[in-house]
């Protein structure tokens, strides 16, 4: 099965960060309040994700261990990724300086 995992110019930074998180332990909270913490096996551009070795926490606090989970991207509220990814190359500035638009010259005489 082919999965769209291109990280070219057309893909946003959050999606690229999600793909970079593959192979790392992530925590995902769904809109329902349920949380899943496990190793991110695979992710798609629409935020569909597969986790392995999962700890599931229900809204009422019950905890279960699951071997494998697939979560639909449209149900995801947020994803916590490892801190080490804050130094990922996608957060570096790409090129020379500021915009130079109208606001850049405002107030200069």
C-alpha atoms as a PDB file:
ATOM      1  CA  UNK A   1       0.000   0.000   0.000  1.00  0.00           C
ATOM      2  CA  UNK A   2       1.479   3.330  -1.050  1.00  0.00           C
ATOM      3  CA  UNK A   3       1.221   6.151   1.451  1.00  0.00           C
ATOM      4  CA  UNK A   4       1.618   9.817   0.578  1.00  0.00           C
ATOM      5  CA  UNK A   5       4.657  10.837   2.596  1.00  0.00           C
ATOM      6  CA  UNK A   6       6.194  13.511   0.409  1.00  0.00           C
ATOM      7  CA  UNK A   7       7.821  16.267   2.380  1.00  0.00           C
ATOM      8  CA  UNK A   8       8.369  18.644  -0.500  1.00  0.00           C
ATOM      9  CA  UNK A   9       7.534  22.318  -0.639  1.00  0.00           C
ATOM     10  CA  UNK A  10       3.780  21.717  -0.815  1.00  0.00           C
ATOM     11  CA  UNK A  11       3.582  20.062   2.623  1.00  0.00           C
ATOM     12  CA  UNK A  12       3.197  22.234   5.722  1.00  0.00           C
ATOM     13  CA  UNK A  13       5.639  22.271   8.637  1.00  0.00           C
ATOM     14  CA  UNK A  14       3.272  20.430  11.050  1.00  0.00           C
ATOM     15  CA  UNK A  15       2.854  17.572   8.557  1.00  0.00           C
ATOM     16  CA  UNK A  16       6.614  17.403   7.989  1.00  0.00           C
ATOM     17  CA  UNK A  17       7.129  17.334  11.766  1.00  0.00           C
ATOM     18  CA  UNK A  18       4.620  14.483  12.042  1.00  0.00           C
ATOM     19  CA  UNK A  19       6.557  12.461   9.451  1.00  0.00           C
ATOM     20  CA  UNK A  20       9.841  13.208  11.274  1.00  0.00           C
ATOM     21  CA  UNK A  21       8.265  11.784  14.448  1.00  0.00           C
ATOM     22  CA  UNK A  22       7.950   8.300  12.927  1.00  0.00           C
ATOM     23  CA  UNK A  23       9.868   5.777  15.005  1.00  0.00           C
ATOM     24  CA  UNK A  24       9.600   7.887  18.167  1.00  0.00           C
ATOM     25  CA  UNK A  25       7.228   7.703  21.129  1.00  0.00           C
ATOM     26  CA  UNK A  26       4.354  10.174  20.730  1.00  0.00           C
ATOM     27  CA  UNK A  27       1.204  10.982  22.681  1.00  0.00           C
ATOM     28  CA  UNK A  28      -2.017  11.602  20.758  1.00  0.00           C
ATOM     29  CA  UNK A  29      -5.228  13.003  22.198  1.00  0.00           C
ATOM     30  CA  UNK A  30      -8.460  12.566  20.278  1.00  0.00           C
ATOM     31  CA  UNK A  31     -11.411  14.963  20.205  1.00  0.00           C
ATOM     32  CA  UNK A  32     -13.214  12.574  22.562  1.00  0.00           C
ATOM     33  CA  UNK A  33     -10.558  13.083  25.273  1.00  0.00           C
ATOM     34  CA  UNK A  34      -8.994   9.624  24.917  1.00  0.00           C
ATOM     35  CA  UNK A  35      -5.191   9.503  24.818  1.00  0.00           C
ATOM     36  CA  UNK A  36      -2.854   7.056  23.100  1.00  0.00           C
ATOM     37  CA  UNK A  37       0.894   6.900  23.808  1.00  0.00           C
ATOM     38  CA  UNK A  38       3.105   4.664  21.734  1.00  0.00           C
ATOM     39  CA  UNK A  39       5.713   4.389  19.019  1.00  0.00           C
ATOM     40  CA  UNK A  40       4.617   6.176  15.846  1.00  0.00           C
ATOM     41  CA  UNK A  41       4.912   3.510  13.176  1.00  0.00           C
ATOM     42  CA  UNK A  42       3.501   5.401  10.204  1.00  0.00           C
ATOM     43  CA  UNK A  43       1.803   8.715   9.465  1.00  0.00           C
ATOM     44  CA  UNK A  44      -0.026  10.203   6.508  1.00  0.00           C
ATOM     45  CA  UNK A  45      -0.426  13.782   5.299  1.00  0.00           C
ATOM     46  CA  UNK A  46      -4.043  13.778   6.529  1.00  0.00           C
ATOM     47  CA  UNK A  47      -2.778  12.926  10.066  1.00  0.00           C
ATOM     48  CA  UNK A  48      -3.922   9.288  10.003  1.00  0.00           C
ATOM     49  CA  UNK A  49      -1.400   7.503  12.232  1.00  0.00           C
ATOM     50  CA  UNK A  50      -0.426   3.984  13.262  1.00  0.00           C
ATOM     51  CA  UNK A  51       1.015   3.358  16.729  1.00  0.00           C
ATOM     52  CA  UNK A  52       2.577   0.233  18.240  1.00  0.00           C
ATOM     53  CA  UNK A  53       3.142  -0.712  21.907  1.00  0.00           C
ATOM     54  CA  UNK A  54       0.327   1.616  22.924  1.00  0.00           C
ATOM     55  CA  UNK A  55      -0.864   2.749  26.338  1.00  0.00           C
ATOM     56  CA  UNK A  56      -4.507   3.815  25.996  1.00  0.00           C
ATOM     57  CA  UNK A  57      -6.122   6.064  28.598  1.00  0.00           C
ATOM     58  CA  UNK A  58      -9.912   6.402  28.488  1.00  0.00           C
ATOM     59  CA  UNK A  59     -11.732   9.577  29.505  1.00  0.00           C
ATOM     60  CA  UNK A  60     -12.580   8.057  32.882  1.00  0.00           C
ATOM     61  CA  UNK A  61      -8.893   7.276  33.580  1.00  0.00           C
ATOM     62  CA  UNK A  62      -8.904   3.539  32.834  1.00  0.00           C
ATOM     63  CA  UNK A  63      -5.603   2.434  31.304  1.00  0.00           C
ATOM     64  CA  UNK A  64      -5.153  -0.409  28.797  1.00  0.00           C
ATOM     65  CA  UNK A  65      -2.207  -1.803  26.867  1.00  0.00           C
ATOM     66  CA  UNK A  66      -2.705  -2.296  23.118  1.00  0.00           C
ATOM     67  CA  UNK A  67      -0.372  -3.873  20.606  1.00  0.00           C
ATOM     68  CA  UNK A  68      -1.310  -1.851  17.523  1.00  0.00           C
ATOM     69  CA  UNK A  69      -3.666   1.099  16.862  1.00  0.00           C
ATOM     70  CA  UNK A  70      -4.743   3.048  13.770  1.00  0.00           C
ATOM     71  CA  UNK A  71      -6.160   6.524  14.451  1.00  0.00           C
ATOM     72  CA  UNK A  72      -8.104   8.624  11.971  1.00  0.00           C
ATOM     73  CA  UNK A  73      -6.528  12.031  11.427  1.00  0.00           C
ATOM     74  CA  UNK A  74      -9.805  13.968  11.512  1.00  0.00           C
ATOM     75  CA  UNK A  75     -10.381  12.755  15.093  1.00  0.00           C
ATOM     76  CA  UNK A  76      -6.988  13.987  16.396  1.00  0.00           C
ATOM     77  CA  UNK A  77      -7.042  16.998  18.741  1.00  0.00           C
ATOM     78  CA  UNK A  78      -3.265  17.244  19.189  1.00  0.00           C
ATOM     79  CA  UNK A  79      -0.044  15.236  19.076  1.00  0.00           C
ATOM     80  CA  UNK A  80       2.861  15.539  21.506  1.00  0.00           C
ATOM     81  CA  UNK A  81       6.131  14.761  19.730  1.00  0.00           C
ATOM     82  CA  UNK A  82       9.598  14.241  21.291  1.00  0.00           C
ATOM     83  CA  UNK A  83      11.429  17.401  22.453  1.00  0.00           C
ATOM     84  CA  UNK A  84      14.481  16.523  20.374  1.00  0.00           C
ATOM     85  CA  UNK A  85      12.516  17.413  17.220  1.00  0.00           C
ATOM     86  CA  UNK A  86      12.522  21.097  18.172  1.00  0.00           C
ATOM     87  CA  UNK A  87      15.966  21.191  16.514  1.00  0.00           C
ATOM     88  CA  UNK A  88      14.692  19.664  13.260  1.00  0.00           C
ATOM     89  CA  UNK A  89      15.980  21.342  10.079  1.00  0.00           C
ATOM     90  CA  UNK A  90      12.487  22.439   9.038  1.00  0.00           C
ATOM     91  CA  UNK A  91      12.559  25.086  11.791  1.00  0.00           C
ATOM     92  CA  UNK A  92      15.705  26.736  10.465  1.00  0.00           C
ATOM     93  CA  UNK A  93      15.260  29.935   8.475  1.00  0.00           C
ATOM     94  CA  UNK A  94      15.324  29.183   4.771  1.00  0.00           C
ATOM     95  CA  UNK A  95      17.131  31.985   3.093  1.00  0.00           C
ATOM     96  CA  UNK A  96      18.031  35.593   3.201  1.00  0.00           C
ATOM     97  CA  UNK A  97      16.438  37.890   5.665  1.00  0.00           C
ATOM     98  CA  UNK A  98      13.165  39.688   5.970  1.00  0.00           C
ATOM     99  CA  UNK A  99      10.491  40.310   3.420  1.00  0.00           C
ATOM    100  CA  UNK A 100      11.347  43.851   2.355  1.00  0.00           C
ATOM    101  CA  UNK A 101       7.689  44.623   1.754  1.00  0.00           C
ATOM    102  CA  UNK A 102       5.918  47.879   2.437  1.00  0.00           C
ATOM    103  CA  UNK A 103       5.969  47.418   6.218  1.00  0.00           C
ATOM    104  CA  UNK A 104       9.755  47.007   6.163  1.00  0.00           C
ATOM    105  CA  UNK A 105      10.213  50.551   4.856  1.00  0.00           C
ATOM    106  CA  UNK A 106       7.471  52.201   6.897  1.00  0.00           C
ATOM    107  CA  UNK A 107       8.757  55.098   8.942  1.00  0.00           C
ATOM    108  CA  UNK A 108      12.118  55.377   7.135  1.00  0.00           C
ATOM    109  CA  UNK A 109      13.003  58.773   5.715  1.00  0.00           C
END
